[in-house]
């Protein structure tokens, strides 16, 4: 059964922001509807606070994801990682004038390549031995406490 603390945990909030379209707008509306006679400055401050909270929660989720990948790499028998990141952008603005004409030109170009594949195979023997010894220790402690 979920408690109120579970509903308000940062992980759940991040998942809501990421999975539910418009959740940040809902949170802002909820904050605004619970207050009466707010000034424009207070409303803008509330909007900035909500946006910052969303950014912080998403950043925390990315850090947790990277940490979980690092933990899995540590205990994997074999790891295959293939990453490509390339973000390029170009822009040009031109101006040309002659005696009889005036020409303005704007051009832009963008390119984005992203690929991230991480494959894990098995568990290292050392890691399995550590897990087995921890389980044996927990079972021994439970038998002693009974």
N, C-alpha and C. Protein backbone atom coordinates (compact mmCIF):
# COMPACT_ATOMS: atom_id res chain seq x y z
N UNK A 1 0.85 -1.18 0.00
CA UNK A 1 0.00 0.00 0.00
C UNK A 1 0.88 1.23 0.00
N UNK A 2 0.60 2.17 -0.88
CA UNK A 2 1.43 3.37 -1.00
C UNK A 2 1.08 4.36 0.09
N UNK A 3 2.09 4.90 0.72
CA UNK A 3 1.88 5.92 1.74
C UNK A 3 1.99 7.29 1.10
N UNK A 4 1.70 8.31 1.88
CA UNK A 4 1.79 9.68 1.37
C UNK A 4 3.24 10.03 1.03
N UNK A 5 4.20 9.47 1.78
CA UNK A 5 5.60 9.72 1.49
C UNK A 5 5.99 9.15 0.14
N UNK A 6 5.43 7.98 -0.23
CA UNK A 6 5.72 7.38 -1.53
C UNK A 6 5.24 8.28 -2.66
N UNK A 7 4.08 8.90 -2.48
CA UNK A 7 3.52 9.76 -3.52
C UNK A 7 4.38 11.00 -3.73
N UNK A 8 5.03 11.49 -2.68
CA UNK A 8 5.80 12.72 -2.76
C UNK A 8 7.29 12.49 -2.95
N UNK A 9 7.71 11.26 -3.17
CA UNK A 9 9.14 10.99 -3.31
C UNK A 9 9.67 11.61 -4.60
N UNK A 10 10.94 12.02 -4.61
CA UNK A 10 11.50 12.65 -5.82
C UNK A 10 11.45 11.76 -7.05
N UNK A 11 11.64 10.47 -6.87
CA UNK A 11 11.64 9.56 -8.02
C UNK A 11 10.26 9.53 -8.66
N UNK A 12 9.22 9.47 -7.84
CA UNK A 12 7.85 9.45 -8.36
C UNK A 12 7.54 10.76 -9.07
N UNK A 13 7.98 11.88 -8.48
CA UNK A 13 7.74 13.18 -9.10
C UNK A 13 8.45 13.28 -10.45
N UNK A 14 9.68 12.79 -10.54
CA UNK A 14 10.41 12.81 -11.81
C UNK A 14 9.67 11.99 -12.85
N UNK A 15 9.22 10.81 -12.45
CA UNK A 15 8.48 9.97 -13.39
C UNK A 15 7.21 10.65 -13.87
N UNK A 16 6.53 11.36 -12.97
CA UNK A 16 5.33 12.09 -13.36
C UNK A 16 5.66 13.18 -14.37
N UNK A 17 6.73 13.95 -14.10
CA UNK A 17 7.12 15.02 -15.02
C UNK A 17 7.49 14.47 -16.38
N UNK A 18 8.15 13.29 -16.40
CA UNK A 18 8.62 12.73 -17.66
C UNK A 18 7.52 11.99 -18.41
N UNK A 19 6.62 11.30 -17.70
CA UNK A 19 5.66 10.42 -18.35
C UNK A 19 4.32 11.07 -18.64
N UNK A 20 3.94 12.04 -17.85
CA UNK A 20 2.62 12.64 -18.00
C UNK A 20 2.75 13.96 -18.73
N UNK A 21 2.23 14.04 -19.94
CA UNK A 21 2.32 15.30 -20.68
C UNK A 21 1.55 16.40 -19.94
N UNK A 22 2.18 17.54 -19.80
CA UNK A 22 1.52 18.67 -19.16
C UNK A 22 1.49 18.63 -17.65
N UNK A 23 2.26 17.73 -17.03
CA UNK A 23 2.23 17.61 -15.58
C UNK A 23 2.77 18.88 -14.91
N UNK A 24 3.81 19.48 -15.49
CA UNK A 24 4.36 20.70 -14.90
C UNK A 24 3.34 21.84 -14.98
N UNK A 25 2.57 21.88 -16.07
CA UNK A 25 1.52 22.90 -16.19
C UNK A 25 0.44 22.64 -15.15
N UNK A 26 0.10 21.37 -14.94
CA UNK A 26 -0.88 21.03 -13.91
C UNK A 26 -0.41 21.46 -12.53
N UNK A 27 0.88 21.20 -12.24
CA UNK A 27 1.42 21.60 -10.93
C UNK A 27 1.36 23.11 -10.76
N UNK A 28 1.68 23.84 -11.82
CA UNK A 28 1.61 25.29 -11.75
C UNK A 28 0.17 25.76 -11.56
N UNK A 29 -0.76 25.19 -12.29
CA UNK A 29 -2.17 25.56 -12.14
C UNK A 29 -2.66 25.24 -10.73
N UNK A 30 -2.26 24.07 -10.22
CA UNK A 30 -2.65 23.68 -8.87
C UNK A 30 -2.14 24.67 -7.84
N UNK A 31 -0.89 25.09 -8.01
CA UNK A 31 -0.32 26.07 -7.07
C UNK A 31 -1.04 27.41 -7.17
N UNK A 32 -1.40 27.79 -8.38
CA UNK A 32 -2.07 29.07 -8.58
C UNK A 32 -3.52 29.05 -8.09
N UNK A 33 -4.19 27.92 -8.26
CA UNK A 33 -5.59 27.85 -7.87
C UNK A 33 -5.76 27.77 -6.35
N UNK A 34 -4.73 27.38 -5.64
CA UNK A 34 -4.81 27.29 -4.18
C UNK A 34 -4.55 28.64 -3.51
N UNK A 35 -4.19 29.63 -4.26
CA UNK A 35 -3.93 30.94 -3.68
C UNK A 35 -4.92 31.94 -4.24
N UNK A 36 -5.23 32.95 -3.47
CA UNK A 36 -6.15 33.99 -3.90
C UNK A 36 -5.42 35.32 -3.88
N UNK A 37 -5.81 36.22 -4.80
CA UNK A 37 -5.29 37.58 -4.86
C UNK A 37 -3.76 37.63 -4.99
N UNK A 38 -3.21 36.78 -5.83
CA UNK A 38 -1.77 36.82 -6.07
C UNK A 38 -1.42 37.96 -7.01
N UNK A 39 -0.29 38.57 -6.76
CA UNK A 39 0.18 39.59 -7.68
C UNK A 39 0.90 38.91 -8.83
N UNK A 40 1.14 39.65 -9.88
CA UNK A 40 1.83 39.10 -11.04
C UNK A 40 3.22 38.62 -10.67
N UNK A 41 3.91 39.37 -9.82
CA UNK A 41 5.26 38.97 -9.41
C UNK A 41 5.24 37.64 -8.66
N UNK A 42 4.25 37.45 -7.80
CA UNK A 42 4.15 36.19 -7.05
C UNK A 42 3.86 35.02 -8.00
N UNK A 43 2.99 35.28 -8.99
CA UNK A 43 2.69 34.23 -9.96
C UNK A 43 3.90 33.87 -10.80
N UNK A 44 4.66 34.88 -11.23
CA UNK A 44 5.87 34.62 -12.00
C UNK A 44 6.90 33.87 -11.16
N UNK A 45 7.02 34.23 -9.89
CA UNK A 45 7.95 33.54 -9.00
C UNK A 45 7.53 32.08 -8.83
N UNK A 46 6.24 31.84 -8.70
CA UNK A 46 5.75 30.47 -8.57
C UNK A 46 6.03 29.68 -9.84
N UNK A 47 5.87 30.30 -11.00
CA UNK A 47 6.15 29.62 -12.27
C UNK A 47 7.63 29.29 -12.38
N UNK A 48 8.50 30.24 -12.02
CA UNK A 48 9.95 29.98 -12.07
C UNK A 48 10.34 28.86 -11.11
N UNK A 49 9.74 28.88 -9.93
CA UNK A 49 10.04 27.85 -8.93
C UNK A 49 9.62 26.47 -9.43
N UNK A 50 8.45 26.39 -10.05
CA UNK A 50 7.96 25.12 -10.58
C UNK A 50 8.86 24.62 -11.71
N UNK A 51 9.28 25.52 -12.58
CA UNK A 51 10.16 25.14 -13.69
C UNK A 51 11.52 24.67 -13.17
N UNK A 52 12.06 25.36 -12.18
CA UNK A 52 13.33 24.97 -11.60
C UNK A 52 13.23 23.62 -10.91
N UNK A 53 12.13 23.39 -10.21
CA UNK A 53 11.92 22.10 -9.54
C UNK A 53 11.88 20.97 -10.55
N UNK A 54 11.22 21.20 -11.68
CA UNK A 54 11.15 20.20 -12.74
C UNK A 54 12.54 19.91 -13.29
N UNK A 55 13.34 20.95 -13.52
CA UNK A 55 14.70 20.78 -14.05
C UNK A 55 15.57 19.99 -13.07
N UNK A 56 15.47 20.31 -11.78
CA UNK A 56 16.27 19.62 -10.77
C UNK A 56 15.89 18.15 -10.69
N UNK A 57 14.60 17.85 -10.73
CA UNK A 57 14.16 16.46 -10.66
C UNK A 57 14.62 15.66 -11.88
N UNK A 58 14.58 16.27 -13.05
CA UNK A 58 15.05 15.58 -14.25
C UNK A 58 16.56 15.35 -14.19
N UNK A 59 17.29 16.31 -13.65
CA UNK A 59 18.74 16.15 -13.50
C UNK A 59 19.06 15.02 -12.54
N UNK A 60 18.33 14.95 -11.45
CA UNK A 60 18.55 13.86 -10.49
C UNK A 60 18.26 12.51 -11.11
N UNK A 61 17.23 12.43 -11.93
CA UNK A 61 16.90 11.17 -12.59
C UNK A 61 18.01 10.74 -13.53
N UNK A 62 18.60 11.69 -14.25
CA UNK A 62 19.71 11.36 -15.15
C UNK A 62 20.92 10.86 -14.38
N UNK A 63 21.20 11.48 -13.24
CA UNK A 63 22.33 11.05 -12.41
C UNK A 63 22.07 9.64 -11.88
N UNK A 64 20.86 9.37 -11.41
CA UNK A 64 20.53 8.03 -10.92
C UNK A 64 20.66 6.98 -12.02
N UNK A 65 20.26 7.34 -13.23
CA UNK A 65 20.38 6.42 -14.35
C UNK A 65 21.84 6.08 -14.61
N UNK A 66 22.69 7.09 -14.63
CA UNK A 66 24.12 6.86 -14.88
C UNK A 66 24.75 6.04 -13.75
N UNK A 67 24.34 6.30 -12.51
CA UNK A 67 24.87 5.52 -11.38
C UNK A 67 24.44 4.07 -11.47
N UNK A 68 23.21 3.82 -11.86
CA UNK A 68 22.76 2.43 -11.97
C UNK A 68 23.49 1.71 -13.10
N UNK A 69 23.78 2.41 -14.19
CA UNK A 69 24.57 1.81 -15.27
C UNK A 69 25.97 1.50 -14.77
N UNK A 70 26.57 2.41 -14.01
CA UNK A 70 27.92 2.18 -13.48
C UNK A 70 27.94 0.98 -12.53
N UNK A 71 26.91 0.84 -11.70
CA UNK A 71 26.84 -0.32 -10.79
C UNK A 71 26.73 -1.61 -11.57
N UNK A 72 25.94 -1.60 -12.63
CA UNK A 72 25.77 -2.81 -13.43
C UNK A 72 27.07 -3.15 -14.17
N UNK A 73 27.80 -2.13 -14.61
CA UNK A 73 29.08 -2.37 -15.26
C UNK A 73 30.05 -3.04 -14.29
N UNK A 74 30.02 -2.60 -13.03
CA UNK A 74 30.93 -3.16 -12.03
C UNK A 74 30.69 -4.65 -11.79
N UNK A 75 29.44 -5.09 -11.87
CA UNK A 75 29.15 -6.49 -11.54
C UNK A 75 28.97 -7.36 -12.78
N UNK A 76 29.06 -6.81 -13.97
CA UNK A 76 28.85 -7.60 -15.19
C UNK A 76 30.09 -8.39 -15.56
N UNK A 77 29.87 -9.52 -16.17
CA UNK A 77 30.96 -10.35 -16.64
C UNK A 77 31.54 -9.77 -17.93
N UNK A 78 30.66 -9.29 -18.78
CA UNK A 78 31.09 -8.71 -20.05
C UNK A 78 30.19 -7.50 -20.36
N UNK A 79 30.81 -6.40 -20.79
CA UNK A 79 30.07 -5.17 -21.09
C UNK A 79 30.43 -4.70 -22.48
N UNK A 80 29.43 -4.34 -23.26
CA UNK A 80 29.65 -3.79 -24.60
C UNK A 80 28.96 -2.43 -24.65
N UNK A 81 29.73 -1.39 -24.86
CA UNK A 81 29.19 -0.03 -24.90
C UNK A 81 29.48 0.58 -26.26
N UNK A 82 28.48 1.17 -26.86
CA UNK A 82 28.64 1.81 -28.16
C UNK A 82 27.89 3.14 -28.11
N UNK A 83 28.59 4.24 -28.09
CA UNK A 83 27.97 5.55 -27.96
C UNK A 83 28.41 6.46 -29.09
N UNK A 84 27.50 7.22 -29.63
CA UNK A 84 27.78 8.26 -30.62
C UNK A 84 27.02 9.50 -30.18
N UNK A 85 27.70 10.60 -30.10
CA UNK A 85 27.05 11.87 -29.82
C UNK A 85 27.64 12.91 -30.76
N UNK A 86 26.82 13.56 -31.51
CA UNK A 86 27.29 14.60 -32.42
C UNK A 86 26.17 15.61 -32.60
N UNK A 87 26.37 16.78 -32.13
CA UNK A 87 25.39 17.84 -32.29
C UNK A 87 26.10 19.01 -32.97
N UNK A 88 25.69 19.33 -34.17
CA UNK A 88 26.29 20.42 -34.94
C UNK A 88 25.22 21.41 -35.36
N UNK A 89 25.61 22.61 -35.52
CA UNK A 89 24.70 23.63 -36.02
C UNK A 89 25.48 24.72 -36.73
N UNK A 90 24.94 25.21 -37.81
CA UNK A 90 25.57 26.29 -38.57
C UNK A 90 24.50 27.31 -38.90
N UNK A 91 24.92 28.53 -38.99
CA UNK A 91 24.01 29.58 -39.40
C UNK A 91 24.76 30.65 -40.15
N UNK A 92 24.12 31.20 -41.15
CA UNK A 92 24.72 32.26 -41.94
C UNK A 92 23.69 33.36 -42.16
N UNK A 93 24.17 34.56 -42.10
CA UNK A 93 23.36 35.73 -42.44
C UNK A 93 24.17 36.54 -43.43
N UNK A 94 23.53 36.90 -44.51
CA UNK A 94 24.25 37.64 -45.54
C UNK A 94 23.53 38.91 -45.93
N UNK A 95 24.32 39.89 -46.32
CA UNK A 95 23.78 41.17 -46.75
C UNK A 95 24.60 41.64 -47.93
N UNK A 96 23.93 42.01 -49.01
CA UNK A 96 24.62 42.46 -50.21
C UNK A 96 23.86 43.63 -50.80
N UNK A 97 24.59 44.62 -51.12
CA UNK A 97 23.92 45.77 -51.75
C UNK A 97 24.72 46.23 -52.95
N UNK A 98 24.00 46.53 -54.00
CA UNK A 98 24.58 47.10 -55.21
C UNK A 98 23.94 48.47 -55.42
N UNK A 99 24.32 49.08 -56.51
CA UNK A 99 23.73 50.40 -56.81
C UNK A 99 22.22 50.31 -57.01
N UNK A 100 21.77 49.21 -57.60
CA UNK A 100 20.36 49.12 -57.93
C UNK A 100 19.59 48.08 -57.10
N UNK A 101 20.28 47.29 -56.27
CA UNK A 101 19.56 46.25 -55.53
C UNK A 101 20.11 46.10 -54.11
N UNK A 102 19.30 45.45 -53.31
CA UNK A 102 19.65 45.20 -51.91
C UNK A 102 19.19 43.79 -51.61
N UNK A 103 20.10 42.88 -51.16
CA UNK A 103 19.78 41.47 -50.95
C UNK A 103 20.15 41.07 -49.53
N UNK A 104 19.22 40.37 -48.88
CA UNK A 104 19.45 39.83 -47.54
C UNK A 104 19.20 38.34 -47.60
N UNK A 105 20.09 37.56 -47.00
CA UNK A 105 19.91 36.11 -46.99
C UNK A 105 20.22 35.51 -45.64
N UNK A 106 19.47 34.48 -45.30
CA UNK A 106 19.66 33.76 -44.03
C UNK A 106 19.61 32.28 -44.33
N UNK A 107 20.55 31.53 -43.77
CA UNK A 107 20.51 30.08 -43.94
C UNK A 107 20.92 29.41 -42.64
N UNK A 108 20.45 28.21 -42.46
CA UNK A 108 20.78 27.46 -41.26
C UNK A 108 20.88 25.98 -41.56
N UNK A 109 21.64 25.30 -40.74
CA UNK A 109 21.84 23.87 -40.92
C UNK A 109 21.99 23.23 -39.55
N UNK A 110 21.38 22.11 -39.35
CA UNK A 110 21.52 21.40 -38.09
C UNK A 110 21.72 19.92 -38.32
N UNK A 111 22.38 19.30 -37.38
CA UNK A 111 22.63 17.86 -37.49
C UNK A 111 22.69 17.28 -36.10
N UNK A 112 22.04 16.17 -35.89
CA UNK A 112 22.06 15.54 -34.58
C UNK A 112 22.17 14.03 -34.76
N UNK A 113 23.19 13.44 -34.19
CA UNK A 113 23.38 12.00 -34.22
C UNK A 113 23.49 11.53 -32.78
N UNK A 114 22.62 10.66 -32.38
CA UNK A 114 22.67 10.14 -31.01
C UNK A 114 22.41 8.65 -31.07
N UNK A 115 23.29 7.88 -30.50
CA UNK A 115 23.08 6.44 -30.39
C UNK A 115 23.78 5.99 -29.13
N UNK A 116 23.08 5.24 -28.32
CA UNK A 116 23.68 4.74 -27.09
C UNK A 116 23.18 3.33 -26.88
N UNK A 117 24.07 2.36 -26.98
CA UNK A 117 23.75 0.96 -26.78
C UNK A 117 24.68 0.43 -25.70
N UNK A 118 24.12 -0.10 -24.64
CA UNK A 118 24.92 -0.70 -23.58
C UNK A 118 24.38 -2.11 -23.36
N UNK A 119 25.24 -3.09 -23.53
CA UNK A 119 24.83 -4.49 -23.37
C UNK A 119 25.63 -5.11 -22.24
N UNK A 120 24.92 -5.78 -21.35
CA UNK A 120 25.55 -6.46 -20.23
C UNK A 120 25.33 -7.96 -20.39
N UNK A 121 26.37 -8.72 -20.11
CA UNK A 121 26.25 -10.18 -20.19
C UNK A 121 26.76 -10.78 -18.89
N UNK A 122 25.90 -11.52 -18.23
CA UNK A 122 26.29 -12.28 -17.05
C UNK A 122 26.71 -11.45 -15.86
N UNK A 123 27.16 -12.15 -14.83
CA UNK A 123 27.69 -11.54 -13.62
C UNK A 123 29.08 -12.10 -13.38
N UNK A 124 29.96 -11.25 -12.88
CA UNK A 124 31.31 -11.74 -12.60
C UNK A 124 31.28 -12.69 -11.41
N UNK A 125 32.18 -13.66 -11.41
CA UNK A 125 32.23 -14.65 -10.33
C UNK A 125 32.49 -13.99 -8.99
N UNK A 126 33.33 -12.98 -8.99
CA UNK A 126 33.64 -12.26 -7.74
C UNK A 126 32.37 -11.64 -7.16
N UNK A 127 31.57 -11.04 -8.01
CA UNK A 127 30.33 -10.40 -7.56
C UNK A 127 29.35 -11.45 -7.03
N UNK A 128 29.24 -12.58 -7.72
CA UNK A 128 28.35 -13.64 -7.25
C UNK A 128 28.78 -14.18 -5.90
N UNK A 129 30.09 -14.30 -5.67
CA UNK A 129 30.58 -14.78 -4.38
C UNK A 129 30.26 -13.77 -3.27
N UNK A 130 30.39 -12.48 -3.58
CA UNK A 130 30.06 -11.45 -2.60
C UNK A 130 28.58 -11.50 -2.22
N UNK A 131 27.73 -11.68 -3.21
CA UNK A 131 26.29 -11.76 -2.94
C UNK A 131 25.98 -13.00 -2.10
N UNK A 132 26.59 -14.12 -2.46
CA UNK A 132 26.35 -15.36 -1.71
C UNK A 132 26.79 -15.21 -0.26
N UNK A 133 27.95 -14.59 -0.03
CA UNK A 133 28.42 -14.42 1.35
C UNK A 133 27.51 -13.46 2.13
N UNK A 134 27.00 -12.43 1.48
CA UNK A 134 26.06 -11.51 2.15
C UNK A 134 24.76 -12.21 2.52
N UNK A 135 24.25 -13.06 1.61
CA UNK A 135 23.03 -13.81 1.89
C UNK A 135 23.25 -14.78 3.04
N UNK A 136 24.39 -15.49 3.02
CA UNK A 136 24.71 -16.42 4.10
C UNK A 136 24.80 -15.69 5.44
N UNK A 137 25.41 -14.52 5.43
CA UNK A 137 25.54 -13.73 6.66
C UNK A 137 24.17 -13.27 7.17
N UNK A 138 23.31 -12.83 6.26
CA UNK A 138 21.95 -12.43 6.67
C UNK A 138 21.16 -13.61 7.24
N UNK A 139 21.27 -14.76 6.60
CA UNK A 139 20.57 -15.95 7.11
C UNK A 139 21.10 -16.34 8.49
N UNK A 140 22.41 -16.26 8.69
CA UNK A 140 22.98 -16.58 10.00
C UNK A 140 22.50 -15.61 11.07
N UNK A 141 22.44 -14.33 10.74
CA UNK A 141 21.95 -13.33 11.69
C UNK A 141 20.49 -13.55 12.04
N UNK A 142 19.67 -13.97 11.06
CA UNK A 142 18.28 -14.25 11.32
C UNK A 142 18.11 -15.46 12.22
N UNK A 143 18.92 -16.48 12.01
CA UNK A 143 18.83 -17.67 12.86
C UNK A 143 19.26 -17.35 14.29
N UNK A 144 20.27 -16.50 14.46
CA UNK A 144 20.73 -16.12 15.79
C UNK A 144 19.70 -15.24 16.52
N UNK A 145 18.97 -14.44 15.78
CA UNK A 145 18.01 -13.53 16.41
C UNK A 145 16.72 -14.25 16.80
N UNK A 146 16.49 -15.45 16.30
CA UNK A 146 15.24 -16.15 16.62
C UNK A 146 15.35 -16.95 17.85
